């Protein structure tokens, strides 16, 4: 029954996606197709409706719309320019200063906004003119911008990690948030090393003269209000002062106050931001609700147990099992967005890694890190195509540079996969594990 249900789900899902059916409908229909094989049609439809309602009525799910709204308020609030100036003042002496600045600002802005594409668009637009003036290769700049933007999705507050927490049956959001810092910074560091190597080879130098501490102080003071959002929200969640949902509401209030003080948000723009956030939230929450049907089908037909038995029957070597999983997730990530992929693959692979003692928090970071690579990998690769558009170049020119970034990012993935301390060190130090 498990194998039959699995092939039904995957087959129907693949056909619907190939026909261009939206992912939420595709997941729901494929799940119902599997249910009908085991229970009467009338019962299956009622069960599906119930599972959607249950999936969408989780209180902790409220954090996602709030963080989306906070991110959109920050996008409108002129935060990107302050972050770019701060990172340039801090790292501007390195070879390829503008490339390194792009990477650092992407990591910070992506964490604040919660969107890799928004980071690539906002930060890329800020640095592209200066890069052109200083003779930087447009394709290299686009590759750097696109390759580094997903780092912010790992650094909290992260909607991807909140989604994983729900899919994993309530894994601690506070632990996941703390666990995301080192992998996110590792991604950014891998991109910086690659950018510096390209810059040295092409002769791109950093800013001349002595280190300007006065400029750094000024840039830091201007960036502190935006950076404080991360400190306030994550500090409160980790410290037990408030929950992730309450922290997300605080983030909205903080972002709104900041936007008003910066005079970048009017009554009209605020309404537009709310409407845009509501549309984004509706899509994500509905997707989570529909995916709950799929989760129920998997549990009812024992698909995870069948996959676990198949993988463990193939090999009992945890190293090889994780390597196979990474390969599957990397391929899936090139065709699927992060959120639906998390909802599909968490119930499939989490029981497998738990069978050989892996902590769910570490697996969450492996999963999200893997799927973030899909953001910059064709044929979907939304973030990469945003960076190419901002850089006014082409995919053919960008891909040779992207190969260098892919290599270093994959090295980071292997470290996150096989060195538990990278993900679990901070949560353990904070007493969350």
Protein backbone atom coordinates (compact mmCIF):
# COMPACT_ATOMS: atom_id res chain seq x y z
CA UNK A 1 0.00 0.00 0.00
CA UNK A 2 2.84 2.39 0.84
CA UNK A 3 4.64 1.88 -2.48
CA UNK A 4 1.40 2.22 -4.45
CA UNK A 5 0.48 5.44 -2.62
CA UNK A 6 3.98 6.87 -3.06
CA UNK A 7 3.99 6.27 -6.83
CA UNK A 8 0.48 7.71 -7.09
CA UNK A 9 1.47 10.88 -5.24
CA UNK A 10 4.72 11.38 -7.15
CA UNK A 11 3.20 10.48 -10.53
CA UNK A 12 0.16 12.76 -10.25
CA UNK A 13 2.28 15.54 -8.75
CA UNK A 14 4.82 15.36 -11.61
CA UNK A 15 2.10 15.40 -14.29
CA UNK A 16 0.26 18.36 -12.74
CA UNK A 17 3.45 20.39 -12.27
CA UNK A 18 4.43 19.65 -15.88
CA UNK A 19 1.02 20.98 -16.97
CA UNK A 20 1.62 24.19 -15.03
CA UNK A 21 -0.90 23.59 -12.24
CA UNK A 22 -0.03 25.67 -9.14
CA UNK A 23 1.97 23.72 -6.56
CA UNK A 24 -0.70 23.98 -3.82
CA UNK A 25 -3.41 22.46 -6.04
CA UNK A 26 -0.98 19.86 -7.34
CA UNK A 27 -0.13 18.68 -3.83
CA UNK A 28 -3.78 18.53 -2.77
CA UNK A 29 -4.95 16.65 -5.87
CA UNK A 30 -2.07 14.15 -5.74
CA UNK A 31 -2.78 13.48 -2.06
CA UNK A 32 -6.50 12.97 -2.76
CA UNK A 33 -5.63 10.60 -5.61
CA UNK A 34 -3.72 8.46 -3.11
CA UNK A 35 -6.51 8.62 -0.49
CA UNK A 36 -9.17 7.45 -2.96
CA UNK A 37 -7.25 4.19 -3.39
CA UNK A 38 -7.66 3.33 0.29
CA UNK A 39 -10.96 4.92 1.44
CA UNK A 40 -14.29 5.73 -0.31
CA UNK A 41 -14.35 8.97 -2.38
CA UNK A 42 -16.89 10.71 -0.12
CA UNK A 43 -14.85 9.99 3.00
CA UNK A 44 -11.61 11.00 1.29
CA UNK A 45 -12.93 14.44 0.31
CA UNK A 46 -14.24 15.10 3.83
CA UNK A 47 -10.95 13.90 5.33
CA UNK A 48 -9.02 16.17 2.96
CA UNK A 49 -11.10 19.21 3.96
CA UNK A 50 -10.61 18.42 7.65
CA UNK A 51 -6.84 18.07 7.23
CA UNK A 52 -6.63 21.44 5.42
CA UNK A 53 -8.49 23.12 8.27
CA UNK A 54 -6.30 21.46 10.91
CA UNK A 55 -3.14 22.38 9.02
CA UNK A 56 -4.14 26.04 8.73
CA UNK A 57 -5.42 26.50 12.28
CA UNK A 58 -2.11 26.04 14.10
CA UNK A 59 -1.40 29.06 16.33
CA UNK A 60 2.34 29.02 15.67
CA UNK A 61 1.58 29.42 11.95
CA UNK A 62 0.63 33.05 12.70
CA UNK A 63 4.34 33.87 12.90
CA UNK A 64 4.75 33.48 9.11
CA UNK A 65 2.30 36.26 8.04
CA UNK A 66 3.75 38.59 10.68
CA UNK A 67 7.35 38.00 9.59
CA UNK A 68 6.32 38.48 5.94
CA UNK A 69 4.69 41.80 6.85
CA UNK A 70 7.74 42.86 8.88
CA UNK A 71 10.02 41.97 5.96
CA UNK A 72 7.93 43.96 3.48
CA UNK A 73 7.91 46.95 5.83
CA UNK A 74 11.70 46.73 6.04
CA UNK A 75 11.97 46.48 2.24
CA UNK A 76 10.07 49.75 1.95
CA UNK A 77 12.02 51.43 4.73
CA UNK A 78 15.32 52.19 2.96
CA UNK A 79 17.18 49.60 5.02
CA UNK A 80 19.27 48.17 2.15
CA UNK A 81 21.29 51.38 1.66
CA UNK A 82 22.24 51.54 5.33
CA UNK A 83 23.33 47.90 5.36
CA UNK A 84 25.38 48.31 2.18
CA UNK A 85 27.19 51.33 3.65
CA UNK A 86 27.85 49.43 6.89
CA UNK A 87 29.33 46.36 5.18
CA UNK A 88 31.37 48.51 2.77
CA UNK A 89 32.88 50.43 5.68
CA UNK A 90 33.63 47.15 7.46
CA UNK A 91 35.01 45.05 4.57
CA UNK A 92 35.90 47.65 1.96
CA UNK A 93 39.66 46.99 2.15
CA UNK A 94 39.36 43.41 0.85
CA UNK A 95 40.05 42.62 -2.83
CA UNK A 96 36.84 42.99 -4.81
CA UNK A 97 35.42 45.25 -2.09
CA UNK A 98 32.08 45.81 -3.82
CA UNK A 99 31.57 42.08 -4.41
CA UNK A 100 32.32 41.31 -0.76
CA UNK A 101 30.02 44.16 0.30
CA UNK A 102 27.25 42.72 -1.89
CA UNK A 103 27.60 39.35 -0.14
CA UNK A 104 27.63 40.75 3.40
CA UNK A 105 24.68 43.06 2.75
CA UNK A 106 22.72 40.20 1.14
CA UNK A 107 23.18 38.06 4.24
CA UNK A 108 21.98 40.85 6.54
CA UNK A 109 19.14 42.12 4.36
CA UNK A 110 17.97 38.61 3.49
CA UNK A 111 17.74 37.78 7.19
CA UNK A 112 15.74 40.94 7.88
CA UNK A 113 13.45 40.74 4.84
CA UNK A 114 13.07 36.95 4.77
CA UNK A 115 13.42 36.86 0.99
CA UNK A 116 16.46 35.95 -1.08
CA UNK A 117 14.96 37.52 -4.22
CA UNK A 118 14.23 40.77 -2.36
CA UNK A 119 17.81 40.85 -1.09
CA UNK A 120 19.21 40.25 -4.59
CA UNK A 121 16.99 42.98 -6.03
CA UNK A 122 17.49 45.60 -3.31
CA UNK A 123 21.19 45.14 -2.56
CA UNK A 124 22.10 44.38 -6.18
CA UNK A 125 20.49 47.63 -7.29
CA UNK A 126 22.45 49.54 -4.64
CA UNK A 127 25.90 48.30 -5.68
CA UNK A 128 25.46 47.73 -9.42
CA UNK A 129 26.14 51.35 -10.44
CA UNK A 130 29.37 51.54 -8.41
CA UNK A 131 30.48 48.16 -9.77
CA UNK A 132 29.97 49.38 -13.33
CA UNK A 133 31.88 52.61 -12.64
CA UNK A 134 34.86 50.65 -11.27
CA UNK A 135 34.96 48.28 -14.24
CA UNK A 136 33.69 45.10 -12.59
CA UNK A 137 32.53 42.33 -14.90
CA UNK A 138 28.70 42.47 -14.96
CA UNK A 139 28.41 38.66 -15.13
CA UNK A 140 30.65 38.20 -12.10
CA UNK A 141 28.65 40.82 -10.19
CA UNK A 142 25.36 39.08 -11.03
CA UNK A 143 26.77 35.68 -10.03
CA UNK A 144 28.01 37.12 -6.72
CA UNK A 145 24.69 38.81 -6.03
CA UNK A 146 22.61 35.74 -6.84
CA UNK A 147 24.93 33.21 -5.24
CA UNK A 148 25.03 34.98 -1.89
CA UNK A 149 21.38 36.08 -1.53
CA UNK A 150 20.01 32.77 -0.09
CA UNK A 151 22.40 33.01 2.89
CA UNK A 152 19.84 35.28 4.57
CA UNK A 153 17.19 32.54 4.46
CA UNK A 154 19.24 30.51 6.93
CA UNK A 155 19.90 33.41 9.30
CA UNK A 156 16.89 34.08 11.57
CA UNK A 157 14.19 35.16 11.59
CA UNK A 158 13.57 32.56 8.88
CA UNK A 159 10.14 31.56 7.56
CA UNK A 160 11.70 28.42 6.08
CA UNK A 161 12.79 27.25 9.53
CA UNK A 162 9.34 28.04 10.97
CA UNK A 163 7.76 25.96 8.19
CA UNK A 164 10.15 23.10 8.96
CA UNK A 165 9.24 23.32 12.66
CA UNK A 166 5.59 22.79 11.76
CA UNK A 167 6.34 19.97 9.31
CA UNK A 168 8.63 18.24 11.83
CA UNK A 169 5.94 18.09 14.49
CA UNK A 170 6.88 21.08 16.61
CA UNK A 171 10.69 21.15 16.68
CA UNK A 172 11.77 24.15 18.79
CA UNK A 173 11.75 27.34 16.70
CA UNK A 174 14.19 28.96 19.13
CA UNK A 175 16.65 26.08 18.68
CA UNK A 176 16.24 26.20 14.89
CA UNK A 177 16.80 29.96 14.84
CA UNK A 178 20.02 29.71 16.84
CA UNK A 179 21.12 26.74 14.72
CA UNK A 180 20.73 28.79 11.54
CA UNK A 181 23.38 31.39 12.32
CA UNK A 182 26.53 29.37 11.65
CA UNK A 183 25.29 27.64 8.45
CA UNK A 184 24.07 31.02 7.14
CA UNK A 185 27.38 32.71 7.90
CA UNK A 186 29.19 29.69 6.45
CA UNK A 187 27.29 30.18 3.18
CA UNK A 188 28.23 33.89 3.16
CA UNK A 189 31.88 33.11 4.01
CA UNK A 190 32.07 30.55 1.18
CA UNK A 191 30.80 33.19 -1.25
CA UNK A 192 33.26 35.78 0.10
CA UNK A 193 36.22 33.44 -0.38
CA UNK A 194 35.07 32.75 -3.93
CA UNK A 195 34.57 36.46 -4.67
CA UNK A 196 38.02 37.35 -3.30
CA UNK A 197 39.61 34.59 -5.42
CA UNK A 198 37.88 35.87 -8.57
CA UNK A 199 38.83 39.46 -7.66
CA UNK A 200 42.51 38.66 -7.14
CA UNK A 201 42.62 36.89 -10.48
CA UNK A 202 40.96 39.83 -12.25
CA UNK A 203 42.88 42.52 -10.38
CA UNK A 204 39.98 44.08 -8.46
CA UNK A 205 41.43 45.82 -5.43
CA UNK A 206 39.90 47.09 -2.22
CA UNK A 207 39.59 50.70 -1.12
CA UNK A 208 43.02 52.42 -0.88
CA UNK A 209 44.44 54.09 2.21
CA UNK A 210 44.19 53.35 5.90
CA UNK A 211 41.20 51.79 7.59
CA UNK A 212 38.61 54.55 8.20
CA UNK A 213 37.33 53.95 11.74
CA UNK A 214 35.32 57.17 11.68
CA UNK A 215 33.40 56.08 8.57
CA UNK A 216 32.79 52.65 10.11
CA UNK A 217 31.40 54.22 13.28
CA UNK A 218 29.09 56.48 11.29
CA UNK A 219 27.86 53.60 9.09
CA UNK A 220 27.36 51.38 12.15
CA UNK A 221 25.24 53.97 13.91
CA UNK A 222 23.05 54.33 10.82
CA UNK A 223 22.67 50.53 10.51
CA UNK A 224 22.06 49.77 14.21
CA UNK A 225 18.27 50.40 14.12
CA UNK A 226 17.84 47.79 11.36
CA UNK A 227 20.27 45.30 12.87
CA UNK A 228 18.59 45.68 16.26
CA UNK A 229 15.49 43.98 14.87
CA UNK A 230 17.38 40.69 14.70
CA UNK A 231 18.80 41.18 18.20
CA UNK A 232 15.45 42.10 19.77
CA UNK A 233 13.38 39.37 18.10
CA UNK A 234 15.85 36.50 18.30
CA UNK A 235 17.08 37.51 21.75
CA UNK A 236 13.52 37.57 23.05
CA UNK A 237 12.64 34.19 21.53
CA UNK A 238 15.83 32.44 22.68
CA UNK A 239 15.66 34.08 26.11
CA UNK A 240 12.10 32.86 26.63
CA UNK A 241 10.70 36.38 26.93
CA UNK A 242 8.18 35.71 24.18
CA UNK A 243 7.28 33.01 21.66
CA UNK A 244 8.14 33.05 17.96
CA UNK A 245 4.60 34.20 17.16
CA UNK A 246 4.77 37.05 19.67
CA UNK A 247 8.25 37.91 18.38
CA UNK A 248 6.91 38.17 14.84
CA UNK A 249 4.25 40.66 15.99
CA UNK A 250 6.92 42.69 17.77
CA UNK A 251 8.95 42.66 14.53
CA UNK A 252 5.98 44.20 12.69
CA UNK A 253 5.60 47.00 15.25
CA UNK A 254 9.35 47.64 15.26
CA UNK A 255 9.54 47.72 11.44
CA UNK A 256 6.57 50.06 11.20
CA UNK A 257 8.03 52.47 13.75
CA UNK A 258 11.35 52.42 11.90
CA UNK A 259 9.63 53.11 8.57
CA UNK A 260 7.72 56.05 10.04
CA UNK A 261 10.86 57.50 11.63
CA UNK A 262 12.72 57.17 8.31
CA UNK A 263 9.70 58.79 6.57
CA UNK A 264 9.68 56.02 4.01
CA UNK A 265 6.18 54.65 4.74
CA UNK A 266 3.02 56.63 4.06
CA UNK A 267 -0.58 55.63 4.74
CA UNK A 268 -1.02 54.60 1.08
CA UNK A 269 2.21 52.61 0.91
CA UNK A 270 1.38 50.93 4.23
CA UNK A 271 -1.94 49.73 2.82
CA UNK A 272 -0.18 48.41 -0.30
CA UNK A 273 2.36 46.57 1.89
CA UNK A 274 -0.43 45.00 3.96
CA UNK A 275 -2.29 43.81 0.84
CA UNK A 276 0.90 42.40 -0.70
CA UNK A 277 1.78 40.65 2.55
CA UNK A 278 -1.73 39.22 2.86
CA UNK A 279 -1.49 37.74 -0.65
CA UNK A 280 1.90 36.19 0.07
CA UNK A 281 0.73 34.87 3.44
CA UNK A 282 -2.45 33.43 1.94
CA UNK A 283 -0.48 31.43 -0.60
CA UNK A 284 1.94 30.05 1.99
CA UNK A 285 -0.69 29.25 4.63
CA UNK A 286 -2.95 27.55 2.08
CA UNK A 287 0.04 25.56 0.84
CA UNK A 288 0.76 24.42 4.40
CA UNK A 289 -2.88 23.46 4.89
CA UNK A 290 -3.00 21.45 1.67
CA UNK A 291 0.32 19.80 2.51
CA UNK A 292 -1.27 18.55 5.72
CA UNK A 293 -3.40 16.23 3.56
CA UNK A 294 -0.20 14.85 2.07
CA UNK A 295 1.26 14.38 5.55
CA UNK A 296 -1.83 12.46 6.64
CA UNK A 297 -1.69 10.24 3.54
CA UNK A 298 1.97 9.47 4.21
CA UNK A 299 1.25 8.60 7.84
CA UNK A 300 -1.84 6.51 6.97
CA UNK A 301 -0.13 4.53 4.20
CA UNK A 302 3.20 4.35 6.10
CA UNK A 303 5.21 5.86 3.23
CA UNK A 304 7.98 7.25 5.51
CA UNK A 305 8.48 3.82 7.07
CA UNK A 306 8.73 2.24 3.62
CA UNK A 307 11.30 4.80 2.45
CA UNK A 308 13.26 4.41 5.66
CA UNK A 309 13.31 0.64 5.24
CA UNK A 310 14.34 0.98 1.58
CA UNK A 311 17.24 3.34 2.33
CA UNK A 312 18.40 1.34 5.34
CA UNK A 313 18.08 -1.83 3.26
CA UNK A 314 20.24 -0.26 0.57
CA UNK A 315 22.96 0.59 3.07
CA UNK A 316 23.28 0.96 6.82
CA UNK A 317 26.07 3.52 6.43
CA UNK A 318 24.75 6.86 7.71
CA UNK A 319 27.36 8.73 5.64
CA UNK A 320 26.06 7.22 2.38
CA UNK A 321 22.39 7.66 3.35
CA UNK A 322 22.94 11.37 3.98
CA UNK A 323 24.83 11.66 0.69
CA UNK A 324 21.89 10.06 -1.17
CA UNK A 325 19.43 12.38 0.59
CA UNK A 326 21.49 15.43 -0.29
CA UNK A 327 21.56 14.38 -3.94
CA UNK A 328 17.78 13.91 -4.00
CA UNK A 329 17.14 17.25 -2.28
CA UNK A 330 19.54 19.11 -4.57
CA UNK A 331 17.75 17.77 -7.65
CA UNK A 332 14.29 18.45 -6.17
CA UNK A 333 15.33 21.98 -5.18
CA UNK A 334 16.07 22.86 -8.79
CA UNK A 335 12.39 22.31 -9.66
CA UNK A 336 10.55 23.31 -6.47
CA UNK A 337 10.34 26.31 -4.19
CA UNK A 338 11.65 26.00 -0.64
CA UNK A 339 8.33 25.93 1.24
CA UNK A 340 6.54 23.11 -0.65
CA UNK A 341 9.75 21.07 -0.77
CA UNK A 342 10.12 21.34 3.02
CA UNK A 343 6.53 20.19 3.48
CA UNK A 344 6.99 17.23 1.14
CA UNK A 345 10.43 15.95 2.15
CA UNK A 346 10.38 16.48 5.93
CA UNK A 347 7.95 13.62 6.67
CA UNK A 348 9.78 11.43 4.14
CA UNK A 349 13.36 11.84 5.36
CA UNK A 350 13.11 12.89 9.02
CA UNK A 351 12.24 9.36 10.27
CA UNK A 352 15.22 8.00 8.34
CA UNK A 353 17.80 10.32 9.94
CA UNK A 354 16.21 9.86 13.37
CA UNK A 355 16.70 6.11 12.99
CA UNK A 356 20.46 6.63 13.26
CA UNK A 357 20.27 9.30 15.94
CA UNK A 358 20.42 12.63 14.07
CA UNK A 359 18.87 15.56 15.90
CA UNK A 360 15.83 17.03 14.05
CA UNK A 361 17.36 20.50 14.40
CA UNK A 362 20.44 19.50 12.44
CA UNK A 363 18.34 17.82 9.76
CA UNK A 364 16.26 21.00 9.47
CA UNK A 365 19.36 23.01 8.62
CA UNK A 366 20.57 20.36 6.15
CA UNK A 367 17.16 20.40 4.47
CA UNK A 368 16.84 24.19 4.24
CA UNK A 369 20.48 24.64 3.15
CA UNK A 370 19.93 22.09 0.36
CA UNK A 371 16.72 23.65 -0.87
CA UNK A 372 18.13 27.19 -0.77
CA UNK A 373 20.65 26.07 -3.39
CA UNK A 374 17.66 25.51 -5.68
CA UNK A 375 16.99 29.27 -5.48
CA UNK A 376 20.11 29.86 -7.54
CA UNK A 377 19.97 26.79 -9.79
CA UNK A 378 18.18 26.66 -13.18
CA UNK A 379 15.58 25.84 -14.39
CA UNK A 380 13.62 27.50 -11.54
CA UNK A 381 16.33 29.52 -9.75
CA UNK A 382 14.19 32.60 -9.09
CA UNK A 383 16.89 34.42 -7.12
CA UNK A 384 19.53 33.80 -9.79
CA UNK A 385 17.28 35.19 -12.53
CA UNK A 386 16.50 38.26 -10.43
CA UNK A 387 20.24 38.86 -10.05
CA UNK A 388 20.76 38.41 -13.80
CA UNK A 389 18.01 40.92 -14.54
CA UNK A 390 19.44 43.45 -12.07
CA UNK A 391 22.92 42.93 -13.54
CA UNK A 392 21.69 43.32 -17.14
CA UNK A 393 23.53 40.21 -18.30
CA UNK A 394 22.67 36.69 -19.46
CA UNK A 395 22.58 33.20 -17.96
CA UNK A 396 25.27 31.97 -20.35
CA UNK A 397 27.73 34.62 -19.16
CA UNK A 398 26.89 34.15 -15.47
CA UNK A 399 27.08 30.34 -15.25
CA UNK A 400 30.90 29.99 -15.54
CA UNK A 401 31.24 32.16 -12.43
CA UNK A 402 28.35 30.38 -10.71
CA UNK A 403 30.25 27.10 -10.93
CA UNK A 404 32.84 28.52 -8.51
CA UNK A 405 30.11 29.62 -6.11
CA UNK A 406 28.31 26.27 -6.38
CA UNK A 407 31.52 24.44 -5.49
CA UNK A 408 32.16 26.44 -2.32
CA UNK A 409 28.49 26.40 -1.27
CA UNK A 410 28.44 22.60 -1.66
CA UNK A 411 31.54 22.37 0.54
CA UNK A 412 29.51 24.27 3.14
CA UNK A 413 26.63 21.81 2.69
CA UNK A 414 28.93 18.86 3.37
CA UNK A 415 30.21 20.56 6.53
CA UNK A 416 26.65 21.21 7.77
CA UNK A 417 25.73 17.59 6.96
CA UNK A 418 28.65 15.81 8.57
CA UNK A 419 29.75 18.19 11.35
CA UNK A 420 26.83 18.37 13.83
CA UNK A 421 28.52 21.07 15.92
CA UNK A 422 28.00 23.62 13.11
CA UNK A 423 24.23 23.42 13.55
CA UNK A 424 23.93 22.27 17.16
CA UNK A 425 26.72 24.18 18.89
CA UNK A 426 24.80 27.40 19.60
CA UNK A 427 21.48 25.73 20.61
CA UNK A 428 23.35 23.42 23.00
CA UNK A 429 25.32 26.31 24.50
CA UNK A 430 22.02 28.13 25.08
CA UNK A 431 20.50 25.05 26.75
CA UNK A 432 17.83 24.58 24.07
CA UNK A 433 18.79 20.96 23.28
